């Protein structure tokens, strides 16, 4: 692992984490609420946002901010995968960690139910 790789991945993770946090705030989604994060993770893993609802009942499928959040979470996963492939451990802020935990939990549920 080079020092460049470590710096690059950590800088990118910081940028992504901040944008993810901003989108969550705009949408009124509390990253400290495990239930909300699990619902979001399920949405992202299913890659089907049409007609789904999260949180307060607003229809996020029509909300550009929600779609951007889903895209950022996809980038988060890609960045973590690339970094892991180079032996780099990537960490983000609390919102990042909450989403990552929820994604792993939902993936485990999905994998055990197959």
C-alpha atoms as a PDB file:
ATOM      1  CA  UNK A   1       0.000   0.000   0.000  1.00  0.00           C
ATOM      2  CA  UNK A   2       1.423   3.333  -0.997  1.00  0.00           C
ATOM      3  CA  UNK A   3       1.102   6.540   0.948  1.00  0.00           C
ATOM      4  CA  UNK A   4      -0.629   8.006  -2.118  1.00  0.00           C
ATOM      5  CA  UNK A   5      -3.311   5.288  -2.038  1.00  0.00           C
ATOM      6  CA  UNK A   6      -3.958   5.851   1.638  1.00  0.00           C
ATOM      7  CA  UNK A   7      -4.239   9.620   1.209  1.00  0.00           C
ATOM      8  CA  UNK A   8      -6.385   9.369  -1.936  1.00  0.00           C
ATOM      9  CA  UNK A   9      -8.906   6.927  -0.493  1.00  0.00           C
ATOM     10  CA  UNK A  10      -9.205   8.770   2.803  1.00  0.00           C
ATOM     11  CA  UNK A  11      -9.710  12.118   1.058  1.00  0.00           C
ATOM     12  CA  UNK A  12     -12.354  10.656  -1.245  1.00  0.00           C
ATOM     13  CA  UNK A  13     -14.067   8.947   1.692  1.00  0.00           C
ATOM     14  CA  UNK A  14     -14.182  12.254   3.581  1.00  0.00           C
ATOM     15  CA  UNK A  15     -15.755  14.048   0.620  1.00  0.00           C
ATOM     16  CA  UNK A  16     -18.316  11.310   0.043  1.00  0.00           C
ATOM     17  CA  UNK A  17     -19.148  11.024   3.731  1.00  0.00           C
ATOM     18  CA  UNK A  18     -19.835  14.746   3.972  1.00  0.00           C
ATOM     19  CA  UNK A  19     -22.126  14.679   0.929  1.00  0.00           C
ATOM     20  CA  UNK A  20     -23.953  11.618   2.255  1.00  0.00           C
ATOM     21  CA  UNK A  21     -24.448  13.361   5.590  1.00  0.00           C
ATOM     22  CA  UNK A  22     -25.789  16.469   3.830  1.00  0.00           C
ATOM     23  CA  UNK A  23     -28.298  14.430   1.818  1.00  0.00           C
ATOM     24  CA  UNK A  24     -29.479  12.619   4.941  1.00  0.00           C
ATOM     25  CA  UNK A  25     -30.019  15.964   6.698  1.00  0.00           C
ATOM     26  CA  UNK A  26     -31.910  17.400   3.715  1.00  0.00           C
ATOM     27  CA  UNK A  27     -34.152  14.323   3.638  1.00  0.00           C
ATOM     28  CA  UNK A  28     -34.654  14.353   7.394  1.00  0.00           C
ATOM     29  CA  UNK A  29     -33.201  10.851   7.777  1.00  0.00           C
ATOM     30  CA  UNK A  30     -31.509  10.226  11.120  1.00  0.00           C
ATOM     31  CA  UNK A  31     -28.361   8.121  10.714  1.00  0.00           C
ATOM     32  CA  UNK A  32     -28.538   7.290  14.424  1.00  0.00           C
ATOM     33  CA  UNK A  33     -31.856   5.498  13.845  1.00  0.00           C
ATOM     34  CA  UNK A  34     -30.957   1.913  12.935  1.00  0.00           C
ATOM     35  CA  UNK A  35     -34.427   1.199  11.571  1.00  0.00           C
ATOM     36  CA  UNK A  36     -34.279   4.115   9.146  1.00  0.00           C
ATOM     37  CA  UNK A  37     -30.790   3.169   8.000  1.00  0.00           C
ATOM     38  CA  UNK A  38     -31.843  -0.468   7.490  1.00  0.00           C
ATOM     39  CA  UNK A  39     -34.785   0.657   5.343  1.00  0.00           C
ATOM     40  CA  UNK A  40     -32.469   2.853   3.307  1.00  0.00           C
ATOM     41  CA  UNK A  41     -29.972   0.006   2.940  1.00  0.00           C
ATOM     42  CA  UNK A  42     -32.727  -2.314   1.748  1.00  0.00           C
ATOM     43  CA  UNK A  43     -33.711   0.242  -0.890  1.00  0.00           C
ATOM     44  CA  UNK A  44     -30.142   0.579  -2.091  1.00  0.00           C
ATOM     45  CA  UNK A  45     -29.554  -3.184  -2.210  1.00  0.00           C
ATOM     46  CA  UNK A  46     -32.771  -3.813  -4.102  1.00  0.00           C
ATOM     47  CA  UNK A  47     -31.898  -1.092  -6.642  1.00  0.00           C
ATOM     48  CA  UNK A  48     -35.602  -0.470  -7.057  1.00  0.00           C
ATOM     49  CA  UNK A  49     -36.766   2.831  -5.655  1.00  0.00           C
ATOM     50  CA  UNK A  50     -40.099   3.112  -7.436  1.00  0.00           C
ATOM     51  CA  UNK A  51     -42.956   3.748  -5.047  1.00  0.00           C
ATOM     52  CA  UNK A  52     -41.031   2.995  -1.859  1.00  0.00           C
ATOM     53  CA  UNK A  53     -41.259   5.076   1.277  1.00  0.00           C
ATOM     54  CA  UNK A  54     -38.823   5.693   4.098  1.00  0.00           C
ATOM     55  CA  UNK A  55     -39.044   7.642   7.308  1.00  0.00           C
ATOM     56  CA  UNK A  56     -41.772  10.246   7.574  1.00  0.00           C
ATOM     57  CA  UNK A  57     -43.827   8.923   4.670  1.00  0.00           C
ATOM     58  CA  UNK A  58     -42.569  11.239   1.940  1.00  0.00           C
ATOM     59  CA  UNK A  59     -42.235   9.597  -1.461  1.00  0.00           C
ATOM     60  CA  UNK A  60     -38.531   9.683  -2.047  1.00  0.00           C
ATOM     61  CA  UNK A  61     -38.759   7.997  -5.441  1.00  0.00           C
ATOM     62  CA  UNK A  62     -39.762  11.418  -6.807  1.00  0.00           C
ATOM     63  CA  UNK A  63     -37.076  13.247  -4.892  1.00  0.00           C
ATOM     64  CA  UNK A  64     -33.833  14.031  -6.702  1.00  0.00           C
ATOM     65  CA  UNK A  65     -32.000  14.330  -3.385  1.00  0.00           C
ATOM     66  CA  UNK A  66     -32.949  10.754  -2.501  1.00  0.00           C
ATOM     67  CA  UNK A  67     -31.717   9.489  -5.859  1.00  0.00           C
ATOM     68  CA  UNK A  68     -28.468  11.390  -5.357  1.00  0.00           C
ATOM     69  CA  UNK A  69     -28.107   9.809  -1.908  1.00  0.00           C
ATOM     70  CA  UNK A  70     -28.514   6.354  -3.408  1.00  0.00           C
ATOM     71  CA  UNK A  71     -25.851   7.185  -5.987  1.00  0.00           C
ATOM     72  CA  UNK A  72     -23.484   8.427  -3.299  1.00  0.00           C
ATOM     73  CA  UNK A  73     -23.997   5.217  -1.331  1.00  0.00           C
ATOM     74  CA  UNK A  74     -23.137   3.272  -4.474  1.00  0.00           C
ATOM     75  CA  UNK A  75     -19.949   5.314  -4.821  1.00  0.00           C
ATOM     76  CA  UNK A  76     -19.212   4.686  -1.138  1.00  0.00           C
ATOM     77  CA  UNK A  77     -19.411   0.935  -1.731  1.00  0.00           C
ATOM     78  CA  UNK A  78     -17.251   1.160  -4.832  1.00  0.00           C
ATOM     79  CA  UNK A  79     -14.619   3.224  -3.030  1.00  0.00           C
ATOM     80  CA  UNK A  80     -14.501   0.805  -0.101  1.00  0.00           C
ATOM     81  CA  UNK A  81     -14.180  -2.149  -2.494  1.00  0.00           C
ATOM     82  CA  UNK A  82     -11.370  -0.552  -4.477  1.00  0.00           C
ATOM     83  CA  UNK A  83      -9.540   0.461  -1.312  1.00  0.00           C
ATOM     84  CA  UNK A  84      -9.885  -3.017   0.182  1.00  0.00           C
ATOM     85  CA  UNK A  85      -8.439  -4.453  -3.029  1.00  0.00           C
ATOM     86  CA  UNK A  86      -5.333  -2.364  -2.413  1.00  0.00           C
ATOM     87  CA  UNK A  87      -5.171  -3.199   1.287  1.00  0.00           C
ATOM     88  CA  UNK A  88      -6.374   0.244   2.364  1.00  0.00           C
ATOM     89  CA  UNK A  89      -8.873   0.559   5.200  1.00  0.00           C
ATOM     90  CA  UNK A  90     -11.293   3.423   4.514  1.00  0.00           C
ATOM     91  CA  UNK A  91     -13.266   5.159   7.229  1.00  0.00           C
ATOM     92  CA  UNK A  92     -15.904   7.862   7.041  1.00  0.00           C
ATOM     93  CA  UNK A  93     -17.970   9.890   9.468  1.00  0.00           C
ATOM     94  CA  UNK A  94     -20.797   8.597  11.689  1.00  0.00           C
ATOM     95  CA  UNK A  95     -23.346   8.752   8.854  1.00  0.00           C
ATOM     96  CA  UNK A  96     -21.023   6.696   6.626  1.00  0.00           C
ATOM     97  CA  UNK A  97     -20.517   4.110   9.367  1.00  0.00           C
ATOM     98  CA  UNK A  98     -24.261   3.871  10.065  1.00  0.00           C
ATOM     99  CA  UNK A  99     -25.014   3.226   6.394  1.00  0.00           C
ATOM    100  CA  UNK A 100     -22.183   0.709   6.101  1.00  0.00           C
ATOM    101  CA  UNK A 101     -23.474  -1.203   9.155  1.00  0.00           C
ATOM    102  CA  UNK A 102     -27.006  -1.169   7.771  1.00  0.00           C
ATOM    103  CA  UNK A 103     -25.858  -2.391   4.371  1.00  0.00           C
ATOM    104  CA  UNK A 104     -23.963  -5.290   5.929  1.00  0.00           C
ATOM    105  CA  UNK A 105     -26.920  -6.183   8.148  1.00  0.00           C
ATOM    106  CA  UNK A 106     -29.390  -6.126   5.238  1.00  0.00           C
ATOM    107  CA  UNK A 107     -26.998  -8.086   3.033  1.00  0.00           C
ATOM    108  CA  UNK A 108     -26.684 -10.762   5.722  1.00  0.00           C
ATOM    109  CA  UNK A 109     -30.472 -10.994   6.019  1.00  0.00           C
ATOM    110  CA  UNK A 110     -30.811 -11.286   2.247  1.00  0.00           C
ATOM    111  CA  UNK A 111     -28.031 -13.885   1.985  1.00  0.00           C
ATOM    112  CA  UNK A 112     -29.459 -16.086   4.749  1.00  0.00           C
ATOM    113  CA  UNK A 113     -32.981 -15.993   3.318  1.00  0.00           C
ATOM    114  CA  UNK A 114     -31.867 -17.331  -0.089  1.00  0.00           C
END
